[in-house]
Amino acid sequence: MNLGDTVLEIAFEIEGFPQKVKYDVVQYVMHHEWSVALETVCRVIKREKLAVPWETYKKVITVGTKMGLNPDVWEDVLFFVKKYLNMRPSTNKAEPVGKRTI
C-alpha cells in the first residue's frame, strides 16, 4: 500500500470535498508530505462537515497508524461517519445523528 496514493483516494472518495483542497493534497503527496496531506483531509472533513463512508474512514485509520500520527488527527472524523450513515435517502445531505427523518 502506497500511503500517498491512499491519502489521495480518501480525498477523492468523499463527496463534496473542495476541489482546491484536492489540488493541495495532490501537491503534498507529490512532495512526499503524506502526513500533512492526511491532516489536511481530516481538518477539511471537520470544517466542511462532510459525510464520510465507513470504508473511507477505515483507510484514514490505517494510513494514519502506519504514518505514526497521533490518533487525535482522525478520531473526530468518526462523527462524520455517523452523519454518513444517517443521510436521508432522498438527498445527499447529512443530518445530525439522532434526528433521522423518513
N, C-alpha and C. Protein backbone atom coordinates (compact mmCIF):
# COMPACT_ATOMS: atom_id res chain seq x y z
N MET A 1 0.84 -1.18 0.00
CA MET A 1 0.00 0.00 0.00
C MET A 1 0.88 1.24 0.00
N ASN A 2 0.69 2.10 -1.00
CA ASN A 2 1.40 3.36 -1.05
C ASN A 2 0.58 4.37 -0.23
N LEU A 3 1.18 4.89 0.81
CA LEU A 3 0.45 5.78 1.71
C LEU A 3 -0.05 7.03 1.01
N GLY A 4 0.76 7.59 0.14
CA GLY A 4 0.36 8.80 -0.58
C GLY A 4 -0.84 8.55 -1.47
N ASP A 5 -0.81 7.43 -2.20
CA ASP A 5 -1.93 7.10 -3.08
C ASP A 5 -3.21 6.89 -2.27
N THR A 6 -3.08 6.28 -1.11
CA THR A 6 -4.25 6.04 -0.28
C THR A 6 -4.83 7.36 0.25
N VAL A 7 -3.98 8.30 0.62
CA VAL A 7 -4.47 9.61 1.06
C VAL A 7 -5.24 10.28 -0.08
N LEU A 8 -4.73 10.17 -1.30
CA LEU A 8 -5.43 10.74 -2.45
C LEU A 8 -6.79 10.06 -2.65
N GLU A 9 -6.82 8.74 -2.52
CA GLU A 9 -8.10 8.01 -2.64
C GLU A 9 -9.10 8.54 -1.62
N ILE A 10 -8.65 8.76 -0.41
CA ILE A 10 -9.54 9.26 0.65
C ILE A 10 -10.15 10.59 0.24
N ALA A 11 -9.32 11.52 -0.19
CA ALA A 11 -9.81 12.85 -0.57
C ALA A 11 -10.79 12.77 -1.73
N PHE A 12 -10.53 11.89 -2.68
CA PHE A 12 -11.37 11.81 -3.87
C PHE A 12 -12.63 10.97 -3.65
N GLU A 13 -12.68 10.18 -2.59
CA GLU A 13 -13.86 9.36 -2.29
C GLU A 13 -14.95 10.14 -1.56
N ILE A 14 -14.59 11.24 -0.95
CA ILE A 14 -15.54 11.98 -0.12
C ILE A 14 -16.29 12.99 -0.98
N GLU A 15 -17.59 12.77 -1.08
CA GLU A 15 -18.43 13.66 -1.88
C GLU A 15 -18.44 15.06 -1.28
N GLY A 16 -18.26 16.05 -2.13
CA GLY A 16 -18.27 17.43 -1.68
C GLY A 16 -16.93 17.96 -1.22
N PHE A 17 -15.88 17.12 -1.30
CA PHE A 17 -14.55 17.58 -0.88
C PHE A 17 -14.11 18.69 -1.84
N PRO A 18 -13.70 19.85 -1.32
CA PRO A 18 -13.39 21.01 -2.17
C PRO A 18 -12.25 20.74 -3.16
N GLN A 19 -12.49 21.13 -4.41
CA GLN A 19 -11.50 20.93 -5.48
C GLN A 19 -10.16 21.57 -5.16
N LYS A 20 -10.19 22.79 -4.62
CA LYS A 20 -8.94 23.49 -4.33
C LYS A 20 -8.12 22.71 -3.31
N VAL A 21 -8.80 22.13 -2.33
CA VAL A 21 -8.08 21.36 -1.31
C VAL A 21 -7.58 20.05 -1.91
N LYS A 22 -8.33 19.45 -2.83
CA LYS A 22 -7.84 18.25 -3.51
C LYS A 22 -6.50 18.56 -4.19
N TYR A 23 -6.44 19.72 -4.84
CA TYR A 23 -5.20 20.14 -5.50
C TYR A 23 -4.07 20.24 -4.48
N ASP A 24 -4.36 20.87 -3.33
CA ASP A 24 -3.34 21.00 -2.28
C ASP A 24 -2.88 19.62 -1.80
N VAL A 25 -3.83 18.70 -1.61
CA VAL A 25 -3.50 17.35 -1.14
C VAL A 25 -2.61 16.65 -2.18
N VAL A 26 -2.93 16.80 -3.45
CA VAL A 26 -2.09 16.21 -4.51
C VAL A 26 -0.68 16.77 -4.43
N GLN A 27 -0.56 18.07 -4.22
CA GLN A 27 0.76 18.69 -4.11
C GLN A 27 1.54 18.15 -2.91
N TYR A 28 0.88 18.01 -1.77
CA TYR A 28 1.55 17.45 -0.59
C TYR A 28 2.05 16.04 -0.88
N VAL A 29 1.21 15.23 -1.51
CA VAL A 29 1.59 13.84 -1.81
C VAL A 29 2.75 13.82 -2.79
N MET A 30 2.70 14.67 -3.81
CA MET A 30 3.80 14.71 -4.79
C MET A 30 5.13 15.06 -4.14
N HIS A 31 5.07 15.82 -3.05
CA HIS A 31 6.29 16.21 -2.34
C HIS A 31 6.55 15.32 -1.13
N HIS A 32 5.89 14.18 -1.10
CA HIS A 32 6.06 13.17 -0.04
C HIS A 32 5.74 13.71 1.35
N GLU A 33 4.81 14.65 1.41
CA GLU A 33 4.33 15.20 2.69
C GLU A 33 3.00 14.52 3.02
N TRP A 34 3.06 13.19 3.15
CA TRP A 34 1.85 12.41 3.31
C TRP A 34 1.11 12.71 4.60
N SER A 35 1.83 12.94 5.68
CA SER A 35 1.15 13.22 6.95
C SER A 35 0.45 14.57 6.88
N VAL A 36 1.07 15.56 6.24
CA VAL A 36 0.43 16.87 6.07
C VAL A 36 -0.83 16.70 5.22
N ALA A 37 -0.75 15.86 4.19
CA ALA A 37 -1.91 15.62 3.33
C ALA A 37 -3.06 15.01 4.12
N LEU A 38 -2.77 13.99 4.93
CA LEU A 38 -3.83 13.35 5.71
C LEU A 38 -4.40 14.30 6.77
N GLU A 39 -3.55 15.05 7.43
CA GLU A 39 -4.02 16.02 8.41
C GLU A 39 -4.93 17.05 7.74
N THR A 40 -4.57 17.47 6.54
CA THR A 40 -5.39 18.43 5.79
C THR A 40 -6.75 17.83 5.46
N VAL A 41 -6.76 16.59 5.00
CA VAL A 41 -8.01 15.92 4.66
C VAL A 41 -8.92 15.86 5.89
N CYS A 42 -8.38 15.44 7.01
CA CYS A 42 -9.18 15.32 8.24
C CYS A 42 -9.69 16.69 8.71
N ARG A 43 -8.85 17.70 8.62
CA ARG A 43 -9.25 19.05 9.04
C ARG A 43 -10.39 19.57 8.16
N VAL A 44 -10.31 19.32 6.85
CA VAL A 44 -11.35 19.80 5.93
C VAL A 44 -12.65 19.03 6.15
N ILE A 45 -12.57 17.75 6.41
CA ILE A 45 -13.79 16.96 6.71
C ILE A 45 -14.52 17.60 7.88
N LYS A 46 -13.77 17.94 8.93
CA LYS A 46 -14.39 18.53 10.11
C LYS A 46 -14.91 19.94 9.84
N ARG A 47 -14.11 20.74 9.17
CA ARG A 47 -14.51 22.13 8.91
C ARG A 47 -15.74 22.21 7.99
N GLU A 48 -15.75 21.38 6.95
CA GLU A 48 -16.84 21.41 5.97
C GLU A 48 -18.00 20.50 6.37
N LYS A 49 -17.82 19.74 7.46
CA LYS A 49 -18.85 18.81 7.95
C LYS A 49 -19.27 17.82 6.87
N LEU A 50 -18.26 17.20 6.24
CA LEU A 50 -18.50 16.27 5.15
C LEU A 50 -18.80 14.87 5.68
N ALA A 51 -19.77 14.23 5.10
CA ALA A 51 -20.12 12.85 5.48
C ALA A 51 -19.06 11.91 4.91
N VAL A 52 -18.64 10.95 5.73
CA VAL A 52 -17.54 10.05 5.37
C VAL A 52 -18.01 8.59 5.39
N PRO A 53 -17.87 7.88 4.25
CA PRO A 53 -18.22 6.46 4.25
C PRO A 53 -17.32 5.67 5.22
N TRP A 54 -17.88 4.62 5.80
CA TRP A 54 -17.14 3.79 6.76
C TRP A 54 -15.86 3.24 6.15
N GLU A 55 -15.91 2.75 4.92
CA GLU A 55 -14.72 2.18 4.28
C GLU A 55 -13.62 3.24 4.13
N THR A 56 -14.01 4.46 3.86
CA THR A 56 -13.04 5.55 3.74
C THR A 56 -12.42 5.85 5.10
N TYR A 57 -13.23 5.86 6.15
CA TYR A 57 -12.72 6.10 7.49
C TYR A 57 -11.71 5.02 7.89
N LYS A 58 -11.99 3.77 7.53
CA LYS A 58 -11.04 2.69 7.83
C LYS A 58 -9.70 2.96 7.15
N LYS A 59 -9.72 3.51 5.95
CA LYS A 59 -8.47 3.87 5.26
C LYS A 59 -7.74 4.97 6.03
N VAL A 60 -8.49 5.94 6.54
CA VAL A 60 -7.88 7.02 7.32
C VAL A 60 -7.15 6.45 8.53
N ILE A 61 -7.80 5.55 9.24
CA ILE A 61 -7.18 4.93 10.42
C ILE A 61 -5.93 4.15 10.04
N THR A 62 -6.04 3.34 8.99
CA THR A 62 -4.90 2.51 8.56
C THR A 62 -3.71 3.37 8.17
N VAL A 63 -3.95 4.37 7.34
CA VAL A 63 -2.85 5.23 6.88
C VAL A 63 -2.27 6.04 8.03
N GLY A 64 -3.14 6.61 8.85
CA GLY A 64 -2.67 7.40 9.98
C GLY A 64 -1.82 6.58 10.94
N THR A 65 -2.23 5.34 11.18
CA THR A 65 -1.48 4.45 12.06
C THR A 65 -0.12 4.11 11.45
N LYS A 66 -0.12 3.79 10.16
CA LYS A 66 1.16 3.45 9.50
C LYS A 66 2.12 4.63 9.46
N MET A 67 1.56 5.84 9.43
CA MET A 67 2.40 7.04 9.44
C MET A 67 2.89 7.39 10.84
N GLY A 68 2.29 6.76 11.85
CA GLY A 68 2.67 7.05 13.22
C GLY A 68 2.07 8.35 13.75
N LEU A 69 0.96 8.79 13.14
CA LEU A 69 0.31 10.02 13.59
C LEU A 69 -0.47 9.79 14.88
N ASN A 70 -0.63 10.85 15.62
CA ASN A 70 -1.45 10.81 16.82
C ASN A 70 -2.90 10.57 16.41
N PRO A 71 -3.59 9.63 17.02
CA PRO A 71 -4.99 9.37 16.67
C PRO A 71 -5.91 10.59 16.79
N ASP A 72 -5.50 11.61 17.51
CA ASP A 72 -6.30 12.83 17.59
C ASP A 72 -6.56 13.42 16.20
N VAL A 73 -5.68 13.13 15.26
CA VAL A 73 -5.83 13.65 13.90
C VAL A 73 -7.12 13.14 13.27
N TRP A 74 -7.45 11.87 13.51
CA TRP A 74 -8.61 11.29 12.81
C TRP A 74 -9.79 10.90 13.70
N GLU A 75 -9.64 10.89 14.99
CA GLU A 75 -10.72 10.40 15.86
C GLU A 75 -12.02 11.20 15.70
N ASP A 76 -11.95 12.51 15.55
CA ASP A 76 -13.16 13.32 15.39
C ASP A 76 -13.88 13.05 14.07
N VAL A 77 -13.17 12.48 13.11
CA VAL A 77 -13.79 12.18 11.81
C VAL A 77 -14.86 11.10 11.96
N LEU A 78 -14.79 10.29 13.02
CA LEU A 78 -15.79 9.25 13.24
C LEU A 78 -17.20 9.84 13.31
N PHE A 79 -17.34 11.02 13.88
CA PHE A 79 -18.65 11.68 13.94
C PHE A 79 -19.25 11.83 12.54
N PHE A 80 -18.40 12.10 11.55
CA PHE A 80 -18.87 12.33 10.19
C PHE A 80 -19.18 11.02 9.47
N VAL A 81 -18.67 9.91 9.99
CA VAL A 81 -19.11 8.60 9.50
C VAL A 81 -20.54 8.38 9.96
N LYS A 82 -20.81 8.73 11.20
CA LYS A 82 -22.17 8.59 11.73
C LYS A 82 -23.13 9.46 10.93
N LYS A 83 -22.69 10.65 10.53
CA LYS A 83 -23.53 11.51 9.70
C LYS A 83 -23.82 10.82 8.36
N TYR A 84 -22.80 10.19 7.80
CA TYR A 84 -22.97 9.48 6.52
C TYR A 84 -24.01 8.38 6.65
N LEU A 85 -23.96 7.66 7.76
CA LEU A 85 -24.89 6.55 7.97
C LEU A 85 -26.32 7.04 8.20
N ASN A 86 -26.47 8.29 8.61
CA ASN A 86 -27.79 8.85 8.87
C ASN A 86 -28.28 9.77 7.75
N MET A 87 -27.66 9.69 6.57
CA MET A 87 -28.09 10.53 5.46
C MET A 87 -29.47 10.10 4.99
N ARG A 88 -30.27 11.06 4.65
CA ARG A 88 -31.59 10.76 4.11
C ARG A 88 -31.43 10.22 2.70
N PRO A 89 -32.15 9.16 2.35
CA PRO A 89 -32.00 8.58 1.02
C PRO A 89 -32.42 9.52 -0.10
N SER A 90 -33.31 10.47 0.16
CA SER A 90 -33.80 11.34 -0.90
C SER A 90 -32.89 12.53 -1.18
N THR A 91 -31.91 12.77 -0.32
CA THR A 91 -30.99 13.89 -0.52
C THR A 91 -29.57 13.41 -0.32
N ASN A 92 -28.65 14.28 -0.61
CA ASN A 92 -27.25 13.96 -0.38
C ASN A 92 -26.73 14.73 0.82
N LYS A 93 -27.62 15.21 1.66
CA LYS A 93 -27.24 16.00 2.83
C LYS A 93 -27.16 15.11 4.05
N ALA A 94 -26.13 15.32 4.83
CA ALA A 94 -26.00 14.58 6.08
C ALA A 94 -26.82 15.27 7.15
N GLU A 95 -27.41 14.50 8.03
CA GLU A 95 -28.19 15.02 9.14
C GLU A 95 -27.46 14.73 10.44
N PRO A 96 -27.71 15.54 11.47
CA PRO A 96 -27.12 15.23 12.76
C PRO A 96 -27.60 13.88 13.26
N VAL A 97 -26.76 13.15 13.95
CA VAL A 97 -27.11 11.85 14.48
C VAL A 97 -28.27 12.02 15.45
N GLY A 98 -29.26 11.12 15.32
CA GLY A 98 -30.39 11.15 16.24
C GLY A 98 -31.59 11.93 15.72
N LYS A 99 -31.45 12.60 14.59
CA LYS A 99 -32.57 13.37 14.03
C LYS A 99 -32.89 12.84 12.65
N ARG A 100 -33.13 11.58 12.58
CA ARG A 100 -33.40 10.93 11.29
C ARG A 100 -34.82 11.21 10.85
N THR A 101 -34.97 11.62 9.60
CA THR A 101 -36.28 11.90 9.03
C THR A 101 -36.57 10.86 7.97
N ILE A 102 -37.78 10.35 7.99
CA ILE A 102 -38.15 9.35 6.99
C ILE A 102 -39.17 9.94 6.04
